[in-house]
N, C-alpha and C. Protein backbone atom coordinates (compact mmCIF):
# COMPACT_ATOMS: atom_id res chain seq x y z
N MET A 1 124.00 55.48 138.89
CA MET A 1 123.48 55.12 140.28
C MET A 1 122.06 54.71 140.13
N ARG A 2 121.77 53.79 141.07
CA ARG A 2 120.55 53.17 141.13
C ARG A 2 119.79 53.92 142.27
N ILE A 3 118.60 54.58 142.15
CA ILE A 3 118.16 55.49 143.49
C ILE A 3 116.54 54.66 143.12
N THR A 4 116.39 54.64 144.26
CA THR A 4 114.65 54.29 144.42
C THR A 4 114.48 55.42 145.48
N VAL A 5 112.83 56.11 144.47
CA VAL A 5 112.54 56.98 145.23
C VAL A 5 110.80 56.77 146.04
N PHE A 6 110.84 56.35 147.23
CA PHE A 6 109.47 56.36 147.85
C PHE A 6 108.63 57.59 147.93
N GLY A 7 107.34 57.81 147.91
CA GLY A 7 106.62 59.02 147.54
C GLY A 7 106.82 59.91 146.39
N ALA A 8 107.09 59.08 145.24
CA ALA A 8 107.52 60.03 144.01
C ALA A 8 106.56 60.56 143.21
N SER A 9 105.30 60.29 143.40
CA SER A 9 104.16 61.21 143.01
C SER A 9 103.77 62.64 143.77
N GLY A 10 104.33 62.57 144.79
CA GLY A 10 104.40 63.71 145.62
C GLY A 10 105.55 64.95 145.10
N ALA A 11 105.26 66.20 145.33
CA ALA A 11 105.75 67.32 145.30
C ALA A 11 107.31 67.15 145.24
N VAL A 12 107.76 67.05 146.37
CA VAL A 12 109.05 66.60 146.36
C VAL A 12 109.52 65.43 145.72
N GLY A 13 108.77 64.26 145.78
CA GLY A 13 109.27 63.56 145.35
C GLY A 13 109.29 63.16 143.87
N SER A 14 108.40 63.92 143.10
CA SER A 14 108.41 63.80 141.85
C SER A 14 109.63 64.42 141.37
N ARG A 15 109.94 65.73 142.10
CA ARG A 15 110.97 66.69 141.70
C ARG A 15 112.42 66.20 141.86
N VAL A 16 112.53 65.11 143.06
CA VAL A 16 113.74 64.41 143.31
C VAL A 16 113.77 63.22 142.08
N THR A 17 112.70 62.59 141.52
CA THR A 17 112.82 61.77 140.28
C THR A 17 113.12 62.58 139.36
N GLU A 18 112.83 63.72 138.97
CA GLU A 18 113.18 64.17 137.61
C GLU A 18 114.66 64.45 137.53
N GLU A 19 114.82 65.23 138.96
CA GLU A 19 116.30 65.80 139.00
C GLU A 19 117.22 64.60 138.85
N ALA A 20 117.12 63.34 139.48
CA ALA A 20 118.08 62.53 138.87
C ALA A 20 118.06 61.64 137.89
N LEU A 21 116.86 61.79 137.09
CA LEU A 21 116.51 60.99 135.71
C LEU A 21 117.55 62.31 134.96
N SER A 22 117.45 63.44 135.18
CA SER A 22 118.08 64.81 134.27
C SER A 22 119.74 64.41 134.27
N ARG A 23 120.24 63.66 135.18
CA ARG A 23 121.66 63.23 135.44
C ARG A 23 122.11 62.02 135.13
N GLY A 24 120.73 61.40 134.60
CA GLY A 24 121.33 60.14 134.18
C GLY A 24 121.29 58.94 134.95
N HIS A 25 120.62 59.03 135.95
CA HIS A 25 120.71 58.07 137.47
C HIS A 25 119.49 56.99 136.43
N ASP A 26 119.45 55.76 137.01
CA ASP A 26 118.80 54.51 136.81
C ASP A 26 117.27 55.07 138.22
N VAL A 27 116.26 55.03 137.88
CA VAL A 27 115.28 55.47 139.27
C VAL A 27 114.27 54.66 139.02
N THR A 28 113.76 54.54 140.50
CA THR A 28 112.78 53.45 140.53
C THR A 28 111.80 54.32 141.38
N ALA A 29 110.80 54.85 140.63
CA ALA A 29 109.86 55.50 141.28
C ALA A 29 108.46 54.87 142.02
N VAL A 30 108.53 54.98 143.26
CA VAL A 30 107.58 54.27 144.00
C VAL A 30 106.13 54.99 144.64
N GLY A 31 105.46 54.36 144.78
CA GLY A 31 103.98 55.27 145.28
C GLY A 31 102.76 54.14 145.26
N ARG A 32 101.88 54.53 146.16
CA ARG A 32 100.64 53.72 146.52
C ARG A 32 99.93 53.75 145.28
N SER A 33 99.87 54.39 144.56
CA SER A 33 98.89 54.51 143.36
C SER A 33 99.78 54.90 141.88
N LEU A 34 99.75 53.61 141.29
CA LEU A 34 100.04 53.69 139.93
C LEU A 34 99.69 54.54 138.78
N ASP A 35 98.39 55.05 138.64
CA ASP A 35 97.65 55.78 138.14
C ASP A 35 98.47 57.31 138.28
N ARG A 36 98.26 57.78 139.90
CA ARG A 36 98.88 58.99 139.92
C ARG A 36 100.61 59.03 139.58
N LEU A 37 101.46 57.85 139.67
CA LEU A 37 102.83 57.98 139.27
C LEU A 37 102.67 58.50 137.73
N ASN A 38 102.17 57.46 136.96
CA ASN A 38 102.06 57.61 135.46
C ASN A 38 101.54 59.06 135.14
N ALA A 39 100.52 59.43 136.01
CA ALA A 39 100.37 60.94 135.60
C ALA A 39 100.98 62.04 135.71
N LEU A 40 101.79 61.70 136.79
CA LEU A 40 102.91 63.01 137.29
C LEU A 40 104.22 63.19 136.71
N LEU A 41 104.66 61.72 136.51
CA LEU A 41 105.65 61.44 136.21
C LEU A 41 106.10 61.06 134.57
N LEU A 42 105.12 60.70 134.16
CA LEU A 42 105.55 60.44 132.49
C LEU A 42 104.89 61.37 131.31
N GLY A 43 103.42 62.47 132.15
CA GLY A 43 103.09 62.84 131.53
C GLY A 43 103.46 64.56 131.77
N ARG A 44 104.17 64.52 132.56
CA ARG A 44 104.80 66.19 133.28
C ARG A 44 105.35 66.66 132.19
N ARG A 45 105.17 67.98 131.91
CA ARG A 45 106.37 69.13 131.33
C ARG A 45 106.97 69.21 132.36
N VAL A 46 108.44 69.47 132.26
CA VAL A 46 109.50 70.13 133.17
C VAL A 46 110.22 71.17 132.67
N ASP A 47 110.36 72.41 133.46
CA ASP A 47 111.00 73.74 133.12
C ASP A 47 112.21 73.32 133.37
N ARG A 48 113.14 72.74 132.70
CA ARG A 48 115.06 72.89 132.89
C ARG A 48 115.34 72.84 131.60
N PRO A 49 116.62 73.13 131.54
CA PRO A 49 117.59 73.36 130.48
C PRO A 49 118.04 72.11 129.66
N THR A 50 117.69 71.23 130.34
CA THR A 50 118.14 69.87 129.20
C THR A 50 116.91 68.90 129.50
N ALA A 51 116.39 68.20 128.58
CA ALA A 51 115.81 66.93 128.52
C ALA A 51 115.53 65.77 129.70
N LEU A 52 114.78 65.40 129.68
CA LEU A 52 115.16 64.01 130.84
C LEU A 52 115.70 63.16 129.98
N ALA A 53 116.82 62.37 131.18
CA ALA A 53 117.83 61.42 130.15
C ALA A 53 117.14 60.19 130.02
N GLY A 54 116.00 59.67 130.62
CA GLY A 54 115.09 58.68 130.40
C GLY A 54 113.80 58.81 131.23
N GLN A 55 112.98 57.77 131.49
CA GLN A 55 111.68 57.40 132.28
C GLN A 55 112.25 56.73 133.48
N PRO A 56 111.49 57.23 134.59
CA PRO A 56 111.75 55.98 135.82
C PRO A 56 110.85 54.75 135.46
N ARG A 57 111.31 53.56 136.52
CA ARG A 57 110.94 52.16 136.42
C ARG A 57 109.64 52.78 137.32
N ILE A 58 108.32 52.70 137.07
CA ILE A 58 107.21 52.92 137.77
C ILE A 58 107.06 51.21 138.66
N ARG A 59 107.02 51.73 140.05
CA ARG A 59 106.37 50.75 140.80
C ARG A 59 105.42 50.91 141.95
N ARG A 60 104.61 49.96 142.29
CA ARG A 60 103.61 50.21 143.39
C ARG A 60 104.52 49.84 144.70
N GLY A 61 104.21 50.43 145.70
CA GLY A 61 104.78 50.23 146.81
C GLY A 61 104.63 50.96 148.15
N ASP A 62 104.68 50.43 149.26
CA ASP A 62 104.29 50.95 150.51
C ASP A 62 105.49 51.06 151.31
N ALA A 63 106.40 52.09 151.79
CA ALA A 63 107.48 52.68 152.93
C ALA A 63 107.34 51.94 153.99
N ALA A 64 105.81 51.56 154.51
CA ALA A 64 105.47 51.33 155.81
C ALA A 64 105.68 49.36 155.73
N ASP A 65 105.80 48.78 154.76
CA ASP A 65 105.49 47.59 154.56
C ASP A 65 107.14 47.06 154.54
N PRO A 66 108.09 46.48 155.09
CA PRO A 66 109.36 45.73 154.82
C PRO A 66 109.67 45.16 153.67
N GLN A 67 108.57 44.26 153.57
CA GLN A 67 108.77 43.42 152.58
C GLN A 67 108.85 44.41 150.98
N ASP A 68 108.04 45.07 151.15
CA ASP A 68 107.96 45.68 149.73
C ASP A 68 109.37 46.83 149.69
N VAL A 69 109.53 47.24 150.73
CA VAL A 69 110.99 47.89 150.91
C VAL A 69 111.99 46.96 150.75
N ALA A 70 112.34 45.72 151.20
CA ALA A 70 113.31 44.97 150.97
C ALA A 70 113.32 44.77 149.67
N GLU A 71 112.19 44.64 148.71
CA GLU A 71 112.12 44.24 147.26
C GLU A 71 112.73 45.12 146.33
N LEU A 72 112.17 46.52 146.34
CA LEU A 72 112.74 47.75 145.87
C LEU A 72 113.65 48.19 146.31
N SER A 73 114.41 47.96 147.17
CA SER A 73 115.90 48.45 147.53
C SER A 73 116.69 47.59 147.19
N ALA A 74 116.50 46.36 146.93
CA ALA A 74 117.59 45.17 146.49
C ALA A 74 118.19 45.54 145.30
N GLY A 75 119.56 45.87 145.13
CA GLY A 75 120.13 46.01 144.41
C GLY A 75 120.42 47.47 144.17
N GLN A 76 119.94 48.50 145.14
CA GLN A 76 120.03 50.06 144.86
C GLN A 76 121.18 50.29 145.55
N ASP A 77 121.48 51.53 145.02
CA ASP A 77 123.09 52.61 146.20
C ASP A 77 121.90 53.19 146.66
N VAL A 78 120.84 53.78 146.65
CA VAL A 78 120.40 54.69 147.77
C VAL A 78 118.44 54.63 147.46
N VAL A 79 117.97 54.87 148.69
CA VAL A 79 116.54 55.06 148.83
C VAL A 79 116.62 56.33 149.25
N ILE A 80 115.54 56.93 148.62
CA ILE A 80 115.24 58.38 149.15
C ILE A 80 113.81 58.30 149.42
N SER A 81 113.23 58.77 150.77
CA SER A 81 112.03 58.63 151.15
C SER A 81 111.58 60.29 151.07
N ALA A 82 110.03 60.29 150.35
CA ALA A 82 109.58 61.54 150.49
C ALA A 82 108.48 61.58 150.65
N THR A 83 108.01 60.53 151.40
CA THR A 83 106.53 60.31 151.97
C THR A 83 105.74 61.28 152.84
N ARG A 84 104.61 61.52 152.28
CA ARG A 84 103.97 62.45 153.43
C ARG A 84 102.35 62.10 153.74
N PRO A 85 101.96 62.01 154.98
CA PRO A 85 100.89 61.39 155.12
C PRO A 85 99.61 62.49 155.03
N LEU A 86 98.64 61.91 154.67
CA LEU A 86 97.47 62.92 154.74
C LEU A 86 97.24 63.46 156.20
N PRO A 87 96.24 64.53 155.94
CA PRO A 87 95.81 65.57 157.42
C PRO A 87 95.25 64.27 158.02
N GLY A 88 95.51 64.37 159.48
CA GLY A 88 94.76 63.13 160.24
C GLY A 88 95.33 61.68 160.30
N GLN A 89 96.73 61.62 159.15
CA GLN A 89 96.96 60.36 159.17
C GLN A 89 98.73 60.82 159.59
N GLU A 90 99.11 61.51 160.62
CA GLU A 90 100.20 61.86 160.82
C GLU A 90 101.05 60.88 161.27
N ALA A 91 100.39 59.89 162.00
CA ALA A 91 101.18 58.76 162.70
C ALA A 91 101.83 57.82 161.67
N GLU A 92 101.32 57.92 160.34
CA GLU A 92 101.92 56.89 159.48
C GLU A 92 103.39 57.38 159.18
N LEU A 93 103.96 58.58 159.54
CA LEU A 93 105.09 59.04 159.06
C LEU A 93 106.15 58.22 159.91
N ALA A 94 106.00 57.99 161.14
CA ALA A 94 106.85 57.29 161.70
C ALA A 94 107.04 55.64 161.89
N ILE A 95 105.47 55.14 161.34
CA ILE A 95 105.57 53.82 160.77
C ILE A 95 106.30 53.71 159.70
N ALA A 96 106.00 54.44 158.81
CA ALA A 96 106.66 54.12 157.60
C ALA A 96 108.37 54.57 157.50
N THR A 97 108.76 55.10 158.29
CA THR A 97 110.12 55.22 158.59
C THR A 97 110.96 53.79 159.19
N LYS A 98 110.16 53.18 160.04
CA LYS A 98 110.05 51.76 160.92
C LYS A 98 110.32 50.65 159.40
N GLY A 99 109.44 50.98 158.82
CA GLY A 99 109.13 49.84 157.64
C GLY A 99 110.48 50.16 156.80
N LEU A 100 111.00 51.20 156.44
CA LEU A 100 112.08 51.32 155.66
C LEU A 100 113.06 50.87 156.35
N LEU A 101 113.32 50.94 157.72
CA LEU A 101 114.58 50.68 158.37
C LEU A 101 114.59 49.14 158.26
N ALA A 102 113.42 48.98 158.61
CA ALA A 102 113.42 47.41 158.73
C ALA A 102 113.63 46.52 157.39
N GLY A 103 113.21 46.79 156.17
CA GLY A 103 113.30 46.26 155.23
C GLY A 103 114.33 46.44 153.91
N LEU A 104 115.44 47.60 154.61
CA LEU A 104 116.27 47.87 153.78
C LEU A 104 117.53 47.09 153.66
N ALA A 105 117.63 47.00 152.17
CA ALA A 105 118.71 46.03 151.98
C ALA A 105 120.34 46.58 152.47
N GLY A 106 121.07 45.46 152.80
CA GLY A 106 122.44 45.55 153.45
C GLY A 106 123.50 46.57 152.36
N GLY A 107 123.53 47.71 152.71
CA GLY A 107 124.60 48.72 151.92
C GLY A 107 123.71 49.38 151.49
N THR A 108 122.41 50.02 151.54
CA THR A 108 121.70 51.01 150.81
C THR A 108 121.50 51.96 151.70
N ARG A 109 121.80 52.83 150.99
CA ARG A 109 121.70 54.31 152.09
C ARG A 109 120.20 54.92 152.04
N LEU A 110 119.99 55.54 153.19
CA LEU A 110 118.96 56.20 152.97
C LEU A 110 119.06 57.54 153.40
N ILE A 111 117.82 58.26 152.60
CA ILE A 111 118.01 59.72 152.86
C ILE A 111 116.42 59.73 152.86
N VAL A 112 116.04 60.62 154.09
CA VAL A 112 114.73 61.02 154.31
C VAL A 112 114.41 62.32 154.59
N VAL A 113 113.14 62.92 153.91
CA VAL A 113 113.04 64.11 153.75
C VAL A 113 111.80 64.13 155.06
N GLY A 114 112.16 65.20 155.94
CA GLY A 114 111.74 65.10 157.19
C GLY A 114 111.18 66.60 157.15
N GLY A 115 111.06 67.15 158.46
CA GLY A 115 110.56 68.37 158.80
C GLY A 115 111.46 69.53 159.31
N ALA A 116 110.98 70.80 159.81
CA ALA A 116 111.61 71.80 160.16
C ALA A 116 111.57 71.98 161.73
N ALA A 117 110.34 71.84 162.19
CA ALA A 117 110.09 71.81 163.58
C ALA A 117 111.18 71.54 164.37
N SER A 118 112.06 70.82 164.39
CA SER A 118 113.25 70.49 165.47
C SER A 118 114.32 71.47 164.89
N LEU A 119 114.60 72.11 164.27
CA LEU A 119 115.60 72.71 164.12
C LEU A 119 115.51 74.29 164.97
N LEU A 120 116.71 74.61 165.27
CA LEU A 120 116.83 75.85 166.29
C LEU A 120 116.47 77.26 165.66
N LEU A 121 115.74 77.97 166.72
CA LEU A 121 115.73 79.21 166.09
C LEU A 121 117.01 80.35 166.77
N PRO A 122 117.19 81.32 165.95
CA PRO A 122 118.42 81.98 166.58
C PRO A 122 118.18 82.21 168.41
N THR A 123 116.87 82.09 168.78
CA THR A 123 116.87 82.11 170.25
C THR A 123 117.16 80.90 170.90
N GLY A 124 117.49 80.07 170.24
CA GLY A 124 117.68 78.57 170.84
C GLY A 124 116.76 77.77 171.14
N THR A 125 115.70 78.22 171.01
CA THR A 125 114.33 77.48 170.96
C THR A 125 113.91 76.39 169.49
N THR A 126 113.20 75.45 169.42
CA THR A 126 112.99 75.09 168.41
C THR A 126 111.82 75.77 167.52
N VAL A 127 112.02 75.34 166.35
CA VAL A 127 110.76 76.05 165.53
C VAL A 127 109.64 75.24 166.09
N LEU A 128 109.22 74.53 166.32
CA LEU A 128 108.16 74.12 166.82
C LEU A 128 107.42 74.74 168.26
N ASP A 129 108.59 75.24 169.06
CA ASP A 129 108.04 75.89 170.31
C ASP A 129 108.49 77.19 170.19
N GLY A 130 108.72 77.89 168.70
CA GLY A 130 108.63 79.39 168.74
C GLY A 130 107.40 80.14 168.89
N PRO A 131 107.25 81.11 169.11
CA PRO A 131 106.30 82.05 169.11
C PRO A 131 105.03 82.12 167.94
N ASP A 132 105.47 82.04 166.91
CA ASP A 132 104.71 82.30 165.57
C ASP A 132 104.48 80.93 165.10
N PHE A 133 104.77 79.77 165.75
CA PHE A 133 104.79 78.19 164.72
C PHE A 133 102.95 78.17 164.90
N PRO A 134 102.33 77.89 163.59
CA PRO A 134 101.02 77.53 163.40
C PRO A 134 100.36 76.67 163.75
N PRO A 135 99.26 76.78 164.73
CA PRO A 135 99.05 75.34 165.53
C PRO A 135 98.24 74.25 164.83
N ASP A 136 97.90 74.80 163.46
CA ASP A 136 97.32 73.67 162.46
C ASP A 136 98.38 72.78 162.16
N TRP A 137 99.78 73.58 162.23
CA TRP A 137 100.85 72.29 161.61
C TRP A 137 101.50 71.60 162.94
N ARG A 138 100.67 71.79 163.66
CA ARG A 138 101.45 70.97 165.04
C ARG A 138 101.54 69.54 164.93
N PRO A 139 100.38 68.77 164.36
CA PRO A 139 100.49 67.52 164.43
C PRO A 139 101.25 66.54 163.14
N ILE A 140 101.56 67.46 162.08
CA ILE A 140 102.92 66.85 161.04
C ILE A 140 103.92 67.56 161.61
N ALA A 141 104.01 68.32 162.56
CA ALA A 141 105.60 68.79 163.16
C ALA A 141 105.84 67.73 164.19
N GLU A 142 104.95 67.68 164.98
CA GLU A 142 105.30 66.60 166.11
C GLU A 142 105.35 65.03 165.22
N ALA A 143 105.07 64.85 164.31
CA ALA A 143 105.20 63.68 163.57
C ALA A 143 106.49 63.26 162.99
N CYS A 144 106.93 64.71 162.35
CA CYS A 144 108.31 64.61 161.65
C CYS A 144 109.11 64.34 163.01
N ASN A 145 109.05 64.97 163.89
CA ASN A 145 110.03 64.93 165.10
C ASN A 145 110.04 63.42 165.55
N GLU A 146 109.06 62.79 165.69
CA GLU A 146 108.95 61.38 166.19
C GLU A 146 109.96 60.77 164.93
N GLN A 147 109.66 60.92 163.48
CA GLN A 147 110.20 60.36 162.55
C GLN A 147 111.75 60.26 162.98
N LEU A 148 112.52 61.78 163.14
CA LEU A 148 113.63 61.64 163.50
C LEU A 148 113.97 61.06 164.66
N ALA A 149 113.22 60.76 165.50
CA ALA A 149 113.77 60.17 166.75
C ALA A 149 113.81 58.52 166.60
N VAL A 150 113.07 58.14 165.47
CA VAL A 150 113.03 56.64 165.01
C VAL A 150 114.57 56.96 164.36
N LEU A 151 114.99 57.58 163.83
CA LEU A 151 116.30 57.24 162.81
C LEU A 151 117.25 57.50 163.85
N ARG A 152 117.43 58.20 164.63
CA ARG A 152 118.56 58.72 165.51
C ARG A 152 118.61 57.26 166.37
N ALA A 153 117.90 56.44 166.65
CA ALA A 153 117.70 55.05 167.42
C ALA A 153 118.46 53.94 166.89
N GLU A 154 118.59 54.28 165.28
CA GLU A 154 119.27 53.44 164.41
C GLU A 154 120.78 53.33 164.04
N THR A 155 121.18 52.20 164.39
CA THR A 155 122.79 52.26 164.29
C THR A 155 123.42 51.43 163.56
N GLU A 156 122.71 51.05 162.60
CA GLU A 156 123.37 49.91 161.29
C GLU A 156 123.07 50.61 160.17
N ILE A 157 121.90 50.93 159.73
CA ILE A 157 121.60 51.58 158.74
C ILE A 157 122.57 53.02 158.47
N ASP A 158 122.89 53.46 157.16
CA ASP A 158 123.42 54.38 156.83
C ASP A 158 122.59 55.44 156.24
N TRP A 159 121.88 56.45 157.24
CA TRP A 159 120.85 57.22 157.11
C TRP A 159 121.16 58.72 157.25
N ALA A 160 120.15 59.43 156.16
CA ALA A 160 120.65 60.97 156.58
C ALA A 160 119.11 61.52 156.63
N TYR A 161 118.90 62.66 157.27
CA TYR A 161 117.52 63.39 157.73
C TYR A 161 117.94 64.46 157.09
N VAL A 162 116.96 65.39 156.13
CA VAL A 162 116.78 66.14 155.41
C VAL A 162 115.80 67.11 156.25
N SER A 163 116.24 68.20 156.79
CA SER A 163 114.67 69.10 157.07
C SER A 163 115.05 70.30 156.04
N PRO A 164 113.90 70.75 155.93
CA PRO A 164 113.60 72.00 154.60
C PRO A 164 113.79 73.04 155.58
N PRO A 165 113.88 74.29 154.86
CA PRO A 165 113.68 75.33 155.94
C PRO A 165 112.13 75.89 155.83
N ALA A 166 111.52 76.68 156.39
CA ALA A 166 110.54 77.25 156.91
C ALA A 166 109.46 76.97 155.86
N ILE A 167 109.71 77.36 154.76
CA ILE A 167 108.70 77.36 153.43
C ILE A 167 109.70 76.81 152.40
N LEU A 168 108.91 75.81 152.00
CA LEU A 168 109.24 74.83 150.76
C LEU A 168 108.18 74.79 149.75
N GLU A 169 108.35 75.63 148.61
CA GLU A 169 107.45 75.40 147.58
C GLU A 169 107.89 75.31 146.22
N PRO A 170 106.58 75.01 145.11
CA PRO A 170 107.10 74.98 144.20
C PRO A 170 107.76 76.30 143.70
N GLY A 171 108.75 76.41 142.48
CA GLY A 171 109.29 77.74 142.25
C GLY A 171 110.29 77.29 141.38
N THR A 172 111.62 78.10 141.22
CA THR A 172 112.57 77.96 140.32
C THR A 172 113.91 77.39 140.62
N ARG A 173 114.30 76.89 139.58
CA ARG A 173 115.44 75.37 139.90
C ARG A 173 116.57 76.85 139.45
N THR A 174 117.22 77.02 140.73
CA THR A 174 118.52 78.01 140.60
C THR A 174 119.78 77.62 140.19
N GLY A 175 119.72 76.18 140.91
CA GLY A 175 120.99 75.57 141.04
C GLY A 175 121.75 76.07 142.14
N SER A 176 121.58 76.82 142.86
CA SER A 176 121.96 76.95 144.41
C SER A 176 121.29 76.85 145.78
N TYR A 177 122.40 76.25 146.55
CA TYR A 177 121.58 76.41 147.82
C TYR A 177 123.03 76.49 148.90
N ARG A 178 122.60 76.22 150.17
CA ARG A 178 123.33 76.14 150.94
C ARG A 178 122.97 75.52 152.26
N LEU A 179 123.98 74.67 153.04
CA LEU A 179 123.81 73.56 153.64
C LEU A 179 123.91 73.97 155.13
N GLY A 180 122.90 73.46 156.10
CA GLY A 180 123.00 73.80 157.67
C GLY A 180 123.09 72.63 158.16
N LYS A 181 122.83 72.74 159.75
CA LYS A 181 122.93 71.63 160.50
C LYS A 181 121.49 71.25 161.25
N ASP A 182 122.02 72.27 162.34
CA ASP A 182 120.64 72.05 163.33
C ASP A 182 119.79 73.30 163.31
N HIS A 183 120.35 74.33 162.94
CA HIS A 183 119.82 75.62 162.77
C HIS A 183 118.92 76.00 161.66
N LEU A 184 117.75 76.52 161.97
CA LEU A 184 117.15 77.12 160.57
C LEU A 184 117.83 78.16 160.01
N LEU A 185 117.91 78.23 158.39
CA LEU A 185 118.49 78.98 157.65
C LEU A 185 117.66 80.12 157.40
N LEU A 186 118.39 81.22 157.93
CA LEU A 186 117.41 82.39 157.28
C LEU A 186 118.26 83.40 156.31
N ASP A 187 117.43 84.24 155.65
CA ASP A 187 118.17 85.36 154.76
C ASP A 187 118.23 86.61 155.62
N ALA A 188 118.65 87.54 155.26
CA ALA A 188 119.02 89.14 155.84
C ALA A 188 117.71 89.12 156.40
N ASP A 189 116.88 89.20 155.83
CA ASP A 189 115.28 89.60 156.57
C ASP A 189 114.62 88.65 157.15
N GLY A 190 115.40 87.64 157.71
CA GLY A 190 114.64 86.88 158.51
C GLY A 190 113.78 85.97 158.01
N ASN A 191 114.02 85.76 156.55
CA ASN A 191 112.88 84.63 155.71
C ASN A 191 113.78 83.27 155.66
N SER A 192 113.14 82.41 155.38
CA SER A 192 113.51 81.06 155.25
C SER A 192 112.90 79.92 154.37
N ALA A 193 113.39 80.00 153.24
CA ALA A 193 112.67 79.25 152.27
C ALA A 193 113.53 78.49 151.23
N ILE A 194 113.12 77.90 150.40
CA ILE A 194 113.81 77.40 149.33
C ILE A 194 112.82 76.22 148.12
N SER A 195 112.97 76.70 146.96
CA SER A 195 112.31 75.90 146.09
C SER A 195 112.27 74.40 146.26
N MET A 196 111.37 73.87 145.68
CA MET A 196 111.15 72.29 145.63
C MET A 196 112.46 71.97 144.83
N GLU A 197 112.44 73.02 143.63
CA GLU A 197 113.28 72.36 142.53
C GLU A 197 114.48 72.45 143.12
N ASP A 198 114.95 73.33 143.99
CA ASP A 198 116.62 73.48 144.49
C ASP A 198 116.76 72.35 145.53
N PHE A 199 115.56 71.86 146.41
CA PHE A 199 115.83 71.20 147.48
C PHE A 199 116.09 69.87 146.78
N ALA A 200 115.54 69.60 145.87
CA ALA A 200 115.81 68.26 144.74
C ALA A 200 117.06 68.33 144.48
N ILE A 201 117.67 69.37 144.10
CA ILE A 201 119.17 69.18 143.79
C ILE A 201 119.84 69.16 145.14
N ALA A 202 119.56 69.46 146.05
CA ALA A 202 120.23 69.16 147.19
C ALA A 202 120.27 67.63 147.45
N LEU A 203 119.12 67.05 147.64
CA LEU A 203 119.04 65.60 147.71
C LEU A 203 119.41 64.71 146.81
N VAL A 204 119.70 65.08 145.39
CA VAL A 204 120.50 64.27 144.91
C VAL A 204 121.99 64.43 144.74
N ASP A 205 122.24 65.54 145.13
CA ASP A 205 123.47 65.77 145.33
C ASP A 205 124.28 64.83 146.63
N GLU A 206 123.45 64.92 147.99
CA GLU A 206 123.64 63.98 149.06
C GLU A 206 123.81 62.52 148.09
N ALA A 207 123.10 62.08 147.64
CA ALA A 207 122.83 60.57 146.72
C ALA A 207 124.30 60.37 146.32
N GLU A 208 124.84 61.31 145.52
CA GLU A 208 125.80 61.06 144.95
C GLU A 208 126.96 61.07 145.57
N HIS A 209 127.07 62.39 146.33
CA HIS A 209 128.36 62.67 147.25
C HIS A 209 128.17 62.80 148.80
N PRO A 210 127.88 61.47 149.20
CA PRO A 210 127.39 61.39 150.49
C PRO A 210 128.43 61.96 151.84
N ARG A 211 127.57 63.08 152.17
CA ARG A 211 128.51 63.86 153.37
C ARG A 211 127.96 63.74 154.54
N HIS A 212 126.28 63.32 154.81
CA HIS A 212 125.87 63.29 156.12
C HIS A 212 125.87 61.68 156.27
N HIS A 213 125.87 61.24 157.18
CA HIS A 213 125.84 59.95 158.07
C HIS A 213 125.36 59.85 159.41
N ARG A 214 124.35 59.20 159.36
CA ARG A 214 123.40 59.29 160.50
C ARG A 214 123.09 60.28 161.40
N THR A 215 122.73 61.33 160.63
CA THR A 215 122.66 62.66 161.21
C THR A 215 121.70 63.55 160.06
N ARG A 216 121.05 64.62 160.87
CA ARG A 216 120.48 65.51 159.94
C ARG A 216 120.85 66.68 159.70
N PHE A 217 120.66 67.16 158.27
CA PHE A 217 121.22 68.52 157.98
C PHE A 217 120.08 68.88 157.19
N THR A 218 119.98 70.24 157.03
CA THR A 218 119.24 71.43 156.53
C THR A 218 119.43 72.04 154.98
N VAL A 219 118.74 72.56 154.76
CA VAL A 219 119.17 73.03 153.16
C VAL A 219 118.60 74.63 152.94
N GLY A 220 119.04 75.66 152.55
CA GLY A 220 118.49 76.93 152.69
C GLY A 220 119.21 77.24 151.14
N TYR A 221 118.70 78.52 150.99
CA TYR A 221 119.65 79.45 150.09
C TYR A 221 120.67 79.81 150.11
N GLN A 222 121.74 79.69 149.26
CA GLN A 222 123.17 80.11 149.32
C GLN A 222 123.30 81.63 149.92
N SER A 223 122.61 82.36 149.67
CA SER A 223 122.44 83.37 150.32
C SER A 223 121.85 83.97 151.41
N SER A 224 121.76 82.59 152.38
CA SER A 224 120.80 82.61 153.56
C SER A 224 122.10 82.37 154.94
N ILE A 225 121.83 83.46 155.81
CA ILE A 225 122.46 83.20 157.00
C ILE A 225 121.81 82.56 158.04
N SER A 226 122.63 82.08 159.01
CA SER A 226 122.04 81.29 160.11
C SER A 226 122.15 82.13 161.41
């Protein structure tokens, strides 16, 4: 399978790239800095039971530029976007999503890593509107909600939006996870988390075996309850 990863030098994007390579896929790793891409993707030690099957094709590109997207998605089966704006530049997230939709080649699927703010809590309110939501996270949360709104207005591209749980951090690759739809996945103690390594597994699984079309889904540990 031919996969292009935008934001490939980021925490999630680099793990998606590694996961796809380990399965033998042809991966084009895209970022705005070639130096950072090479440093993170070519010189990185990876803790996994099998060696990487190959190396990614490194390309500079901007998800917000439809021309870049058109060039880098031509002939690809799937584009995975794991871009993340810097603090103070959260508006770039929706702009990049519009650029991806405008530039995608016909027939290429789009999988977008989004946010958890629009997921529903057991009380029926969204995570963003919950009583414990950190005020400092509101700008990126609102940007992720706008990103999802941009996708929901799209009726031609085959897209999927993936919301992580409340906590998404580097950790152990267990190979286990559970899928949900619009509700935050919680464990028996009320925690919501998954490692970036297992999150990457879920993303590449969706690329290989599409289950979600023009809709959002979320990922949590297999032992979670919703």
